Amino acid sequence: EQTEKEYEIRVWVPESAPPASGYPVIYLLDANAVFGTMVEA
């Protein structure tokens, strides 16, 4: 909102059932370069 810059947000959710407290979330920058690697790891 403050800059009108558009970002691409990529989200991966594990296939397993989430724990009662919910999944932890890892946020990362440079998703263009590292999102696929992080998801597979």
All heavy atoms as atom14 arrays in JSON, in Angstrom:
{
  "sequence": "EQTEKEYEIRVWVPESAPPASGYPVIYLLDANAVFGTMVEA",
  "atom14_mask": [
    [1, 1, 1, 1, 1, 1, 1, 1, 1, 0, 0, 0, 0, 0],
    [1, 1, 1, 1, 1, 1, 1, 1, 1, 0, 0, 0, 0, 0],
    [1, 1, 1, 1, 1, 1, 1, 0, 0, 0, 0, 0, 0, 0],
    [1, 1, 1, 1, 1, 1, 1, 1, 1, 0, 0, 0, 0, 0],
    [1, 1, 1, 1, 1, 1, 1, 1, 1, 0, 0, 0, 0, 0],
    [1, 1, 1, 1, 1, 1, 1, 1, 1, 0, 0, 0, 0, 0],
    [1, 1, 1, 1, 1, 1, 1, 1, 1, 1, 1, 1, 0, 0],
    [1, 1, 1, 1, 1, 1, 1, 1, 1, 0, 0, 0, 0, 0],
    [1, 1, 1, 1, 1, 1, 1, 1, 0, 0, 0, 0, 0, 0],
    [1, 1, 1, 1, 1, 1, 1, 1, 1, 1, 1, 0, 0, 0],
    [1, 1, 1, 1, 1, 1, 1, 0, 0, 0, 0, 0, 0, 0],
    [1, 1, 1, 1, 1, 1, 1, 1, 1, 1, 1, 1, 1, 1],
    [1, 1, 1, 1, 1, 1, 1, 0, 0, 0, 0, 0, 0, 0],
    [1, 1, 1, 1, 1, 1, 1, 0, 0, 0, 0, 0, 0, 0],
    [1, 1, 1, 1, 1, 1, 1, 1, 1, 0, 0, 0, 0, 0],
    [1, 1, 1, 1, 1, 1, 0, 0, 0, 0, 0, 0, 0, 0],
    [1, 1, 1, 1, 1, 0, 0, 0, 0, 0, 0, 0, 0, 0],
    [1, 1, 1, 1, 1, 1, 1, 0, 0, 0, 0, 0, 0, 0],
    [1, 1, 1, 1, 1, 1, 1, 0, 0, 0, 0, 0, 0, 0],
    [1, 1, 1, 1, 1, 0, 0, 0, 0, 0, 0, 0, 0, 0],
    [1, 1, 1, 1, 1, 1, 0, 0, 0, 0, 0, 0, 0, 0],
    [1, 1, 1, 1, 0, 0, 0, 0, 0, 0, 0, 0, 0, 0],
    [1, 1, 1, 1, 1, 1, 1, 1, 1, 1, 1, 1, 0, 0],
    [1, 1, 1, 1, 1, 1, 1, 0, 0, 0, 0, 0, 0, 0],
    [1, 1, 1, 1, 1, 1, 1, 0, 0, 0, 0, 0, 0, 0],
    [1, 1, 1, 1, 1, 1, 1, 1, 0, 0, 0, 0, 0, 0],
    [1, 1, 1, 1, 1, 1, 1, 1, 1, 1, 1, 1, 0, 0],
    [1, 1, 1, 1, 1, 1, 1, 1, 0, 0, 0, 0, 0, 0],
    [1, 1, 1, 1, 1, 1, 1, 1, 0, 0, 0, 0, 0, 0],
    [1, 1, 1, 1, 1, 1, 1, 1, 0, 0, 0, 0, 0, 0],
    [1, 1, 1, 1, 1, 0, 0, 0, 0, 0, 0, 0, 0, 0],
    [1, 1, 1, 1, 1, 1, 1, 1, 0, 0, 0, 0, 0, 0],
    [1, 1, 1, 1, 1, 0, 0, 0, 0, 0, 0, 0, 0, 0],
    [1, 1, 1, 1, 1, 1, 1, 0, 0, 0, 0, 0, 0, 0],
    [1, 1, 1, 1, 1, 1, 1, 1, 1, 1, 1, 0, 0, 0],
    [1, 1, 1, 1, 0, 0, 0, 0, 0, 0, 0, 0, 0, 0],
    [1, 1, 1, 1, 1, 1, 1, 0, 0, 0, 0, 0, 0, 0],
    [1, 1, 1, 1, 1, 1, 1, 1, 0, 0, 0, 0, 0, 0],
    [1, 1, 1, 1, 1, 1, 1, 0, 0, 0, 0, 0, 0, 0],
    [1, 1, 1, 1, 1, 1, 1, 1, 1, 0, 0, 0, 0, 0],
    [1, 1, 1, 1, 1, 0, 0, 0, 0, 0, 0, 0, 0, 0]
  ],
  "atom14_positions": [
    [[0.81, -1.22, 0.0], [0.0, 0.0, 0.0], [0.84, 1.27, 0.0], [0.51, 2.24, -0.68], [-0.94, 0.0, 1.21], [-2.05, -1.0, 1.12], [-2.96, -0.96, 2.33], [-3.03, 0.1, 2.99], [-3.6, -1.98, 2.6], [0.0, 0.0, 0.0], [0.0, 0.0, 0.0], [0.0, 0.0, 0.0], [0.0, 0.0, 0.0], [0.0, 0.0, 0.0]],
    [[1.91, 1.31, 0.78], [2.67, 2.54, 0.92], [3.52, 2.88, -0.29], [3.88, 4.03, -0.49], [3.52, 2.52, 2.21], [4.72, 1.62, 2.17], [4.41, 0.14, 2.41], [3.27, -0.3, 2.34], [5.44, -0.64, 2.65], [0.0, 0.0, 0.0], [0.0, 0.0, 0.0], [0.0, 0.0, 0.0], [0.0, 0.0, 0.0], [0.0, 0.0, 0.0]],
    [[3.86, 1.9, -1.13], [4.72, 2.16, -2.29], [4.08, 1.81, -3.62], [4.62, 2.16, -4.67], [6.03, 1.36, -2.19], [5.72, -0.04, -2.22], [6.82, 1.72, -0.95], [0.0, 0.0, 0.0], [0.0, 0.0, 0.0], [0.0, 0.0, 0.0], [0.0, 0.0, 0.0], [0.0, 0.0, 0.0], [0.0, 0.0, 0.0], [0.0, 0.0, 0.0]],
    [[2.99, 1.04, -3.59], [2.34, 0.53, -4.8], [3.21, -0.49, -5.54], [2.9, -0.87, -6.66], [1.93, 1.67, -5.75], [0.83, 2.54, -5.2], [-0.47, 1.79, -4.95], [-0.93, 1.05, -5.84], [-1.02, 1.93, -3.84], [0.0, 0.0, 0.0], [0.0, 0.0, 0.0], [0.0, 0.0, 0.0], [0.0, 0.0, 0.0], [0.0, 0.0, 0.0]],
    [[4.3, -0.93, -4.91], [5.16, -1.95, -5.53], [4.47, -3.31, -5.43], [3.9, -3.65, -4.4], [6.51, -1.99, -4.82], [7.48, -2.98, -5.44], [8.79, -3.01, -4.7], [9.74, -2.08, -5.37], [11.09, -2.15, -4.8], [0.0, 0.0, 0.0], [0.0, 0.0, 0.0], [0.0, 0.0, 0.0], [0.0, 0.0, 0.0], [0.0, 0.0, 0.0]],
    [[4.55, -4.07, -6.5], [3.93, -5.4, -6.52], [4.98, -6.46, -6.22], [6.07, -6.44, -6.78], [3.28, -5.66, -7.88], [2.43, -6.91, -7.88], [1.62, -7.04, -9.16], [2.24, -7.09, -10.24], [0.4, -7.09, -9.05], [0.0, 0.0, 0.0], [0.0, 0.0, 0.0], [0.0, 0.0, 0.0], [0.0, 0.0, 0.0], [0.0, 0.0, 0.0]],
    [[4.62, -7.37, -5.32], [5.49, -8.49, -4.95], [4.79, -9.79, -5.31], [3.56, -9.87, -5.32], [5.77, -8.49, -3.44], [6.59, -7.33, -2.98], [5.99, -6.19, -2.46], [7.98, -7.37, -3.06], [6.76, -5.11, -2.03], [8.76, -6.29, -2.63], [8.13, -5.17, -2.12], [8.89, -4.11, -1.7], [0.0, 0.0, 0.0], [0.0, 0.0, 0.0]],
    [[5.58, -10.8, -5.58], [5.05, -12.15, -5.76], [5.29, -12.9, -4.46], [6.42, -12.97, -3.98], [5.73, -12.86, -6.92], [5.32, -12.28, -8.25], [5.87, -13.04, -9.44], [6.71, -13.95, -9.26], [5.45, -12.73, -10.55], [0.0, 0.0, 0.0], [0.0, 0.0, 0.0], [0.0, 0.0, 0.0], [0.0, 0.0, 0.0], [0.0, 0.0, 0.0]],
    [[4.23, -13.43, -3.92], [4.3, -14.19, -2.68], [4.07, -15.66, -3.01], [3.07, -16.02, -3.62], [3.23, -13.71, -1.66], [3.29, -12.19, -1.48], [3.38, -14.45, -0.35], [4.61, -11.66, -0.99], [0.0, 0.0, 0.0], [0.0, 0.0, 0.0], [0.0, 0.0, 0.0], [0.0, 0.0, 0.0], [0.0, 0.0, 0.0], [0.0, 0.0, 0.0]],
    [[5.02, -16.47, -2.63], [4.92, -17.92, -2.86], [4.76, -18.59, -1.51], [5.48, -18.26, -0.57], [6.17, -18.41, -3.58], [6.35, -17.79, -4.95], [7.76, -18.05, -5.47], [7.91, -17.56, -6.82], [8.5, -16.42, -7.13], [8.99, -15.65, -6.18], [8.62, -16.04, -8.39], [0.0, 0.0, 0.0], [0.0, 0.0, 0.0], [0.0, 0.0, 0.0]],
    [[3.82, -19.53, -1.43], [3.54, -20.22, -0.16], [3.55, -21.71, -0.4], [2.93, -22.2, -1.35], [2.17, -19.79, 0.4], [1.87, -20.51, 1.71], [2.1, -18.28, 0.59], [0.0, 0.0, 0.0], [0.0, 0.0, 0.0], [0.0, 0.0, 0.0], [0.0, 0.0, 0.0], [0.0, 0.0, 0.0], [0.0, 0.0, 0.0], [0.0, 0.0, 0.0]],
    [[4.24, -22.42, 0.48], [4.21, -23.88, 0.47], [3.72, -24.35, 1.82], [4.17, -23.88, 2.87], [5.6, -24.47, 0.21], [5.62, -25.97, 0.25], [5.17, -26.82, -0.73], [6.1, -26.8, 1.3], [5.36, -28.12, -0.34], [5.92, -28.14, 0.92], [6.66, -26.53, 2.55], [6.28, -29.21, 1.71], [7.03, -27.61, 3.35], [6.84, -28.93, 2.92]],
    [[2.76, -25.29, 1.79], [2.2, -25.86, 3.01], [2.5, -27.36, 3.0], [2.21, -28.04, 2.0], [0.69, -25.61, 3.1], [0.1, -26.24, 4.34], [0.39, -24.11, 3.06], [0.0, 0.0, 0.0], [0.0, 0.0, 0.0], [0.0, 0.0, 0.0], [0.0, 0.0, 0.0], [0.0, 0.0, 0.0], [0.0, 0.0, 0.0], [0.0, 0.0, 0.0]],
    [[3.06, -27.9, 4.08], [3.36, -29.33, 4.14], [2.11, -30.18, 3.94], [0.99, -29.75, 4.25], [3.92, -29.53, 5.55], [4.38, -28.19, 5.98], [3.47, -27.2, 5.31], [0.0, 0.0, 0.0], [0.0, 0.0, 0.0], [0.0, 0.0, 0.0], [0.0, 0.0, 0.0], [0.0, 0.0, 0.0], [0.0, 0.0, 0.0], [0.0, 0.0, 0.0]],
    [[2.28, -31.39, 3.44], [1.17, -32.3, 3.21], [0.68, -32.95, 4.51], [-0.47, -33.34, 4.6], [1.57, -33.39, 2.22], [1.82, -32.87, 0.83], [2.27, -33.97, -0.12], [2.23, -35.17, 0.25], [2.66, -33.64, -1.25], [0.0, 0.0, 0.0], [0.0, 0.0, 0.0], [0.0, 0.0, 0.0], [0.0, 0.0, 0.0], [0.0, 0.0, 0.0]],
    [[1.55, -33.06, 5.5], [1.17, -33.72, 6.74], [0.17, -32.87, 7.53], [0.08, -31.66, 7.33], [2.41, -33.98, 7.6], [3.04, -32.75, 7.91], [0.0, 0.0, 0.0], [0.0, 0.0, 0.0], [0.0, 0.0, 0.0], [0.0, 0.0, 0.0], [0.0, 0.0, 0.0], [0.0, 0.0, 0.0], [0.0, 0.0, 0.0], [0.0, 0.0, 0.0]],
    [[-0.56, -33.53, 8.41], [-1.51, -32.8, 9.25], [-0.75, -31.84, 10.17], [0.3, -32.19, 10.71], [-2.32, -33.78, 10.1], [0.0, 0.0, 0.0], [0.0, 0.0, 0.0], [0.0, 0.0, 0.0], [0.0, 0.0, 0.0], [0.0, 0.0, 0.0], [0.0, 0.0, 0.0], [0.0, 0.0, 0.0], [0.0, 0.0, 0.0], [0.0, 0.0, 0.0]],
    [[-1.26, -30.63, 10.33], [-0.55, -29.67, 11.19], [-0.64, -30.05, 12.65], [-1.6, -30.69, 13.08], [-1.29, -28.35, 10.93], [-2.64, -28.76, 10.48], [-2.48, -30.07, 9.76], [0.0, 0.0, 0.0], [0.0, 0.0, 0.0], [0.0, 0.0, 0.0], [0.0, 0.0, 0.0], [0.0, 0.0, 0.0], [0.0, 0.0, 0.0], [0.0, 0.0, 0.0]],
    [[0.36, -29.66, 13.44], [0.28, -29.89, 14.89], [-0.87, -29.05, 15.47], [-1.35, -28.12, 14.83], [1.63, -29.43, 15.41], [2.19, -28.55, 14.34], [1.57, -28.97, 13.05], [0.0, 0.0, 0.0], [0.0, 0.0, 0.0], [0.0, 0.0, 0.0], [0.0, 0.0, 0.0], [0.0, 0.0, 0.0], [0.0, 0.0, 0.0], [0.0, 0.0, 0.0]],
    [[-1.28, -29.36, 16.69], [-2.37, -28.64, 17.33], [-2.12, -27.13, 17.38], [-3.04, -26.33, 17.26], [-2.61, -29.18, 18.74], [0.0, 0.0, 0.0], [0.0, 0.0, 0.0], [0.0, 0.0, 0.0], [0.0, 0.0, 0.0], [0.0, 0.0, 0.0], [0.0, 0.0, 0.0], [0.0, 0.0, 0.0], [0.0, 0.0, 0.0], [0.0, 0.0, 0.0]],
    [[-0.87, -26.74, 17.54], [-0.53, -25.33, 17.62], [-0.37, -24.68, 16.24], [-0.13, -23.48, 16.14], [0.76, -25.15, 18.41], [1.81, -25.84, 17.77], [0.0, 0.0, 0.0], [0.0, 0.0, 0.0], [0.0, 0.0, 0.0], [0.0, 0.0, 0.0], [0.0, 0.0, 0.0], [0.0, 0.0, 0.0], [0.0, 0.0, 0.0], [0.0, 0.0, 0.0]],
    [[-0.49, -25.46, 15.18], [-0.29, -24.96, 13.83], [1.16, -25.11, 13.41], [2.04, -25.34, 14.22], [0.0, 0.0, 0.0], [0.0, 0.0, 0.0], [0.0, 0.0, 0.0], [0.0, 0.0, 0.0], [0.0, 0.0, 0.0], [0.0, 0.0, 0.0], [0.0, 0.0, 0.0], [0.0, 0.0, 0.0], [0.0, 0.0, 0.0], [0.0, 0.0, 0.0]],
    [[1.39, -25.01, 12.12], [2.75, -25.1, 11.61], [3.54, -23.84, 11.97], [2.99, -22.74, 11.95], [2.76, -25.17, 10.08], [2.23, -26.42, 9.47], [1.09, -26.37, 8.67], [2.87, -27.63, 9.64], [0.6, -27.51, 8.06], [2.39, -28.78, 9.04], [1.25, -28.71, 8.25], [0.77, -29.84, 7.66], [0.0, 0.0, 0.0], [0.0, 0.0, 0.0]],
    [[4.83, -23.98, 12.23], [5.66, -22.77, 12.26], [5.75, -22.22, 10.83], [5.51, -22.95, 9.86], [7.02, -23.28, 12.74], [6.99, -24.75, 12.64], [5.57, -25.19, 12.51], [0.0, 0.0, 0.0], [0.0, 0.0, 0.0], [0.0, 0.0, 0.0], [0.0, 0.0, 0.0], [0.0, 0.0, 0.0], [0.0, 0.0, 0.0], [0.0, 0.0, 0.0]],
    [[6.08, -20.96, 10.69], [6.19, -20.33, 9.38], [7.59, -19.75, 9.22], [8.09, -19.08, 10.12], [5.14, -19.21, 9.21], [5.27, -18.57, 7.82], [3.73, -19.74, 9.41], [0.0, 0.0, 0.0], [0.0, 0.0, 0.0], [0.0, 0.0, 0.0], [0.0, 0.0, 0.0], [0.0, 0.0, 0.0], [0.0, 0.0, 0.0], [0.0, 0.0, 0.0]],
    [[8.2, -20.02, 8.09], [9.5, -19.46, 7.74], [9.28, -18.47, 6.6], [8.75, -18.84, 5.55], [10.5, -20.55, 7.31], [10.74, -21.53, 8.47], [11.81, -19.93, 6.82], [11.56, -22.75, 8.09], [0.0, 0.0, 0.0], [0.0, 0.0, 0.0], [0.0, 0.0, 0.0], [0.0, 0.0, 0.0], [0.0, 0.0, 0.0], [0.0, 0.0, 0.0]],
    [[9.66, -17.23, 6.82], [9.57, -16.19, 5.79], [10.95, -16.0, 5.18], [11.93, -15.95, 5.91], [9.09, -14.87, 6.4], [7.67, -14.93, 6.89], [7.38, -15.31, 8.19], [6.61, -14.64, 6.04], [6.08, -15.38, 8.65], [5.3, -14.71, 6.48], [5.04, -15.08, 7.79], [3.75, -15.16, 8.24], [0.0, 0.0, 0.0], [0.0, 0.0, 0.0]],
    [[11.0, -15.9, 3.86], [12.29, -15.68, 3.23], [12.19, -14.66, 2.12], [11.15, -14.53, 1.48], [12.91, -16.99, 2.72], [12.15, -17.79, 1.67], [12.79, -17.57, 0.32], [12.21, -19.25, 2.03], [0.0, 0.0, 0.0], [0.0, 0.0, 0.0], [0.0, 0.0, 0.0], [0.0, 0.0, 0.0], [0.0, 0.0, 0.0], [0.0, 0.0, 0.0]],
    [[13.28, -13.93, 1.94], [13.39, -12.98, 0.84], [14.11, -13.67, -0.31], [14.55, -14.8, -0.2], [14.17, -11.75, 1.3], [13.56, -10.98, 2.46], [14.49, -9.87, 2.92], [12.19, -10.44, 2.1], [0.0, 0.0, 0.0], [0.0, 0.0, 0.0], [0.0, 0.0, 0.0], [0.0, 0.0, 0.0], [0.0, 0.0, 0.0], [0.0, 0.0, 0.0]],
    [[14.2, -12.98, -1.43], [14.84, -13.54, -2.63], [14.16, -14.83, -3.09], [14.8, -15.78, -3.54], [16.34, -13.8, -2.42], [17.18, -12.55, -2.62], [16.72, -11.63, -3.33], [18.3, -12.49, -2.08], [0.0, 0.0, 0.0], [0.0, 0.0, 0.0], [0.0, 0.0, 0.0], [0.0, 0.0, 0.0], [0.0, 0.0, 0.0], [0.0, 0.0, 0.0]],
    [[12.83, -14.84, -2.99], [12.09, -16.04, -3.38], [12.31, -16.41, -4.84], [12.25, -17.58, -5.2], [10.6, -15.87, -3.1], [0.0, 0.0, 0.0], [0.0, 0.0, 0.0], [0.0, 0.0, 0.0], [0.0, 0.0, 0.0], [0.0, 0.0, 0.0], [0.0, 0.0, 0.0], [0.0, 0.0, 0.0], [0.0, 0.0, 0.0], [0.0, 0.0, 0.0]],
    [[12.6, -15.43, -5.69], [12.87, -15.74, -7.1], [14.03, -16.73, -7.22], [14.05, -17.57, -8.11], [13.26, -14.47, -7.88], [12.14, -13.48, -7.99], [11.51, -13.13, -6.99], [11.87, -13.02, -9.19], [0.0, 0.0, 0.0], [0.0, 0.0, 0.0], [0.0, 0.0, 0.0], [0.0, 0.0, 0.0], [0.0, 0.0, 0.0], [0.0, 0.0, 0.0]],
    [[14.99, -16.63, -6.31], [16.19, -17.45, -6.4], [16.14, -18.69, -5.51], [16.67, -19.73, -5.88], [17.42, -16.63, -6.03], [0.0, 0.0, 0.0], [0.0, 0.0, 0.0], [0.0, 0.0, 0.0], [0.0, 0.0, 0.0], [0.0, 0.0, 0.0], [0.0, 0.0, 0.0], [0.0, 0.0, 0.0], [0.0, 0.0, 0.0], [0.0, 0.0, 0.0]],
    [[15.53, -18.6, -4.33], [15.71, -19.67, -3.35], [14.45, -20.38, -2.88], [14.54, -21.35, -2.11], [16.48, -19.15, -2.11], [17.86, -18.64, -2.5], [15.7, -18.09, -1.37], [0.0, 0.0, 0.0], [0.0, 0.0, 0.0], [0.0, 0.0, 0.0], [0.0, 0.0, 0.0], [0.0, 0.0, 0.0], [0.0, 0.0, 0.0], [0.0, 0.0, 0.0]],
    [[13.28, -19.97, -3.33], [12.05, -20.6, -2.83], [12.0, -22.1, -3.12], [11.75, -22.91, -2.23], [10.81, -19.91, -3.42], [9.51, -20.48, -2.92], [9.06, -20.19, -1.65], [8.75, -21.31, -3.72], [7.86, -20.71, -1.18], [7.55, -21.84, -3.27], [7.11, -21.53, -2.0], [0.0, 0.0, 0.0], [0.0, 0.0, 0.0], [0.0, 0.0, 0.0]],
    [[12.26, -22.48, -4.34], [12.22, -23.9, -4.7], [13.2, -24.74, -3.91], [12.88, -25.84, -3.44], [0.0, 0.0, 0.0], [0.0, 0.0, 0.0], [0.0, 0.0, 0.0], [0.0, 0.0, 0.0], [0.0, 0.0, 0.0], [0.0, 0.0, 0.0], [0.0, 0.0, 0.0], [0.0, 0.0, 0.0], [0.0, 0.0, 0.0], [0.0, 0.0, 0.0]],
    [[14.39, -24.22, -3.72], [15.41, -24.93, -2.94], [14.96, -25.1, -1.49], [15.09, -26.18, -0.91], [16.75, -24.17, -2.99], [17.14, -24.04, -4.35], [17.82, -24.87, -2.19], [0.0, 0.0, 0.0], [0.0, 0.0, 0.0], [0.0, 0.0, 0.0], [0.0, 0.0, 0.0], [0.0, 0.0, 0.0], [0.0, 0.0, 0.0], [0.0, 0.0, 0.0]],
    [[14.41, -24.03, -0.91], [13.95, -24.09, 0.48], [12.79, -25.07, 0.64], [12.76, -25.85, 1.6], [13.54, -22.69, 0.94], [13.15, -22.63, 2.38], [14.59, -22.96, 3.44], [13.88, -22.6, 5.02], [0.0, 0.0, 0.0], [0.0, 0.0, 0.0], [0.0, 0.0, 0.0], [0.0, 0.0, 0.0], [0.0, 0.0, 0.0], [0.0, 0.0, 0.0]],
    [[11.86, -25.06, -0.3], [10.72, -25.99, -0.23], [11.2, -27.43, -0.29], [10.79, -28.26, 0.52], [9.7, -25.69, -1.35], [8.71, -26.84, -1.52], [8.96, -24.39, -1.07], [0.0, 0.0, 0.0], [0.0, 0.0, 0.0], [0.0, 0.0, 0.0], [0.0, 0.0, 0.0], [0.0, 0.0, 0.0], [0.0, 0.0, 0.0], [0.0, 0.0, 0.0]],
    [[12.07, -27.73, -1.22], [12.54, -29.11, -1.35], [13.35, -29.54, -0.13], [13.23, -30.68, 0.34], [13.35, -29.29, -2.63], [12.46, -29.42, -3.85], [11.45, -30.56, -3.71], [11.84, -31.74, -3.64], [10.24, -30.26, -3.67], [0.0, 0.0, 0.0], [0.0, 0.0, 0.0], [0.0, 0.0, 0.0], [0.0, 0.0, 0.0], [0.0, 0.0, 0.0]],
    [[14.17, -28.66, 0.4], [14.93, -28.99, 1.61], [13.98, -29.27, 2.78], [14.15, -30.26, 3.51], [15.89, -27.86, 1.97], [0.0, 0.0, 0.0], [0.0, 0.0, 0.0], [0.0, 0.0, 0.0], [0.0, 0.0, 0.0], [0.0, 0.0, 0.0], [0.0, 0.0, 0.0], [0.0, 0.0, 0.0], [0.0, 0.0, 0.0], [0.0, 0.0, 0.0]]
  ]
}
